Amino acid sequence: MSNIIDARGLSCPQPVLMTLNEIKKGAAGPIVVLVDADASRENVVRSAQGKNWSASIEDAGAEGFRITLTRN
């Protein structure tokens, strides 16, 4: 089961901090992060990769982006 973080409408650094907090909790399954800004997408992906997580990004159009993070 994946953990979902809805960070749409939030500006950086909130989406990154929310994501890193979830990683720190020791999430076992994938983490899905919903963001609606390019900067948030880039920063969340970069931060997760720095913690040894892989990211796949799905463009959800007007909804923003769906980032799925999995542990390497």
C-alpha atoms as a PDB file:
ATOM      1  CA  MET A   1       0.000   0.000   0.000  1.00  0.00           C
ATOM      2  CA  SER A   2       1.373   3.402  -0.910  1.00  0.00           C
ATOM      3  CA  ASN A   3       1.463   6.512   1.231  1.00  0.00           C
ATOM      4  CA  ILE A   4      -0.030   9.585  -0.441  1.00  0.00           C
ATOM      5  CA  ILE A   5       1.167  13.110   0.244  1.00  0.00           C
ATOM      6  CA  ASP A   6      -1.057  15.800  -1.240  1.00  0.00           C
ATOM      7  CA  ALA A   7       1.162  18.873  -1.446  1.00  0.00           C
ATOM      8  CA  ARG A   8      -0.823  20.633  -4.165  1.00  0.00           C
ATOM      9  CA  GLY A   9      -1.193  24.316  -3.449  1.00  0.00           C
ATOM     10  CA  LEU A  10       1.854  24.357  -1.181  1.00  0.00           C
ATOM     11  CA  SER A  11       5.063  26.121  -2.108  1.00  0.00           C
ATOM     12  CA  CYS A  12       8.568  24.909  -1.405  1.00  0.00           C
ATOM     13  CA  PRO A  13       9.926  23.865   0.952  1.00  0.00           C
ATOM     14  CA  GLN A  14       6.692  22.327   2.335  1.00  0.00           C
ATOM     15  CA  PRO A  15       6.357  19.521  -0.287  1.00  0.00           C
ATOM     16  CA  VAL A  16      10.011  18.555   0.225  1.00  0.00           C
ATOM     17  CA  LEU A  17       9.726  18.590   4.001  1.00  0.00           C
ATOM     18  CA  MET A  18       6.540  16.500   3.902  1.00  0.00           C
ATOM     19  CA  THR A  19       8.237  13.981   1.606  1.00  0.00           C
ATOM     20  CA  LEU A  20      11.418  13.753   3.693  1.00  0.00           C
ATOM     21  CA  ASN A  21       9.312  13.327   6.836  1.00  0.00           C
ATOM     22  CA  GLU A  22       7.518  10.367   5.245  1.00  0.00           C
ATOM     23  CA  ILE A  23      10.853   8.854   4.167  1.00  0.00           C
ATOM     24  CA  LYS A  24      12.224   9.354   7.690  1.00  0.00           C
ATOM     25  CA  LYS A  25       9.246   7.435   9.123  1.00  0.00           C
ATOM     26  CA  GLY A  26      10.580   4.382   7.300  1.00  0.00           C
ATOM     27  CA  ALA A  27       7.809   4.000   4.736  1.00  0.00           C
ATOM     28  CA  ALA A  28       7.936   0.471   3.342  1.00  0.00           C
ATOM     29  CA  GLY A  29       5.911   0.833   0.181  1.00  0.00           C
ATOM     30  CA  PRO A  30       5.878   3.456  -2.513  1.00  0.00           C
ATOM     31  CA  ILE A  31       5.251   7.078  -1.604  1.00  0.00           C
ATOM     32  CA  VAL A  32       3.041   9.081  -3.957  1.00  0.00           C
ATOM     33  CA  VAL A  33       3.520  12.845  -3.855  1.00  0.00           C
ATOM     34  CA  LEU A  34       1.029  15.148  -5.569  1.00  0.00           C
ATOM     35  CA  VAL A  35       2.371  18.593  -6.479  1.00  0.00           C
ATOM     36  CA  ASP A  36       1.205  21.332  -8.814  1.00  0.00           C
ATOM     37  CA  ALA A  37       4.387  23.329  -9.472  1.00  0.00           C
ATOM     38  CA  ASP A  38       7.469  22.552 -11.541  1.00  0.00           C
ATOM     39  CA  ALA A  39       9.802  23.734  -8.780  1.00  0.00           C
ATOM     40  CA  SER A  40       8.117  21.464  -6.229  1.00  0.00           C
ATOM     41  CA  ARG A  41       8.342  18.520  -8.623  1.00  0.00           C
ATOM     42  CA  GLU A  42      12.053  19.065  -9.218  1.00  0.00           C
ATOM     43  CA  ASN A  43      12.869  19.623  -5.549  1.00  0.00           C
ATOM     44  CA  VAL A  44      10.898  16.603  -4.304  1.00  0.00           C
ATOM     45  CA  VAL A  45      12.560  14.332  -6.883  1.00  0.00           C
ATOM     46  CA  ARG A  46      16.055  15.670  -6.129  1.00  0.00           C
ATOM     47  CA  SER A  47      15.569  15.315  -2.364  1.00  0.00           C
ATOM     48  CA  ALA A  48      14.216  11.780  -2.621  1.00  0.00           C
ATOM     49  CA  GLN A  49      17.031  10.696  -4.932  1.00  0.00           C
ATOM     50  CA  GLY A  50      19.481  12.065  -2.382  1.00  0.00           C
ATOM     51  CA  LYS A  51      17.966   9.621   0.123  1.00  0.00           C
ATOM     52  CA  ASN A  52      18.373   6.695  -2.316  1.00  0.00           C
ATOM     53  CA  TRP A  53      14.791   6.621  -3.630  1.00  0.00           C
ATOM     54  CA  SER A  54      13.827   6.399  -7.313  1.00  0.00           C
ATOM     55  CA  ALA A  55      11.178   8.650  -8.811  1.00  0.00           C
ATOM     56  CA  SER A  56       8.751   8.279 -11.681  1.00  0.00           C
ATOM     57  CA  ILE A  57       6.742  11.327 -12.706  1.00  0.00           C
ATOM     58  CA  GLU A  58       3.313  11.362 -14.296  1.00  0.00           C
ATOM     59  CA  ASP A  59       1.989  14.622 -15.712  1.00  0.00           C
ATOM     60  CA  ALA A  60      -1.621  14.896 -14.531  1.00  0.00           C
ATOM     61  CA  GLY A  61      -2.410  17.969 -16.642  1.00  0.00           C
ATOM     62  CA  ALA A  62      -4.322  20.616 -14.725  1.00  0.00           C
ATOM     63  CA  GLU A  63      -3.995  18.498 -11.576  1.00  0.00           C
ATOM     64  CA  GLY A  64      -0.212  18.933 -11.551  1.00  0.00           C
ATOM     65  CA  PHE A  65       2.171  16.020 -11.174  1.00  0.00           C
ATOM     66  CA  ARG A  66       2.036  12.607  -9.540  1.00  0.00           C
ATOM     67  CA  ILE A  67       5.463  11.536  -8.309  1.00  0.00           C
ATOM     68  CA  THR A  68       5.847   7.903  -7.291  1.00  0.00           C
ATOM     69  CA  LEU A  69       8.858   7.245  -5.108  1.00  0.00           C
ATOM     70  CA  THR A  70      10.258   3.774  -4.510  1.00  0.00           C
ATOM     71  CA  ARG A  71      13.180   2.750  -2.349  1.00  0.00           C
ATOM     72  CA  ASN A  72      16.271   1.586  -4.236  1.00  0.00           C
END
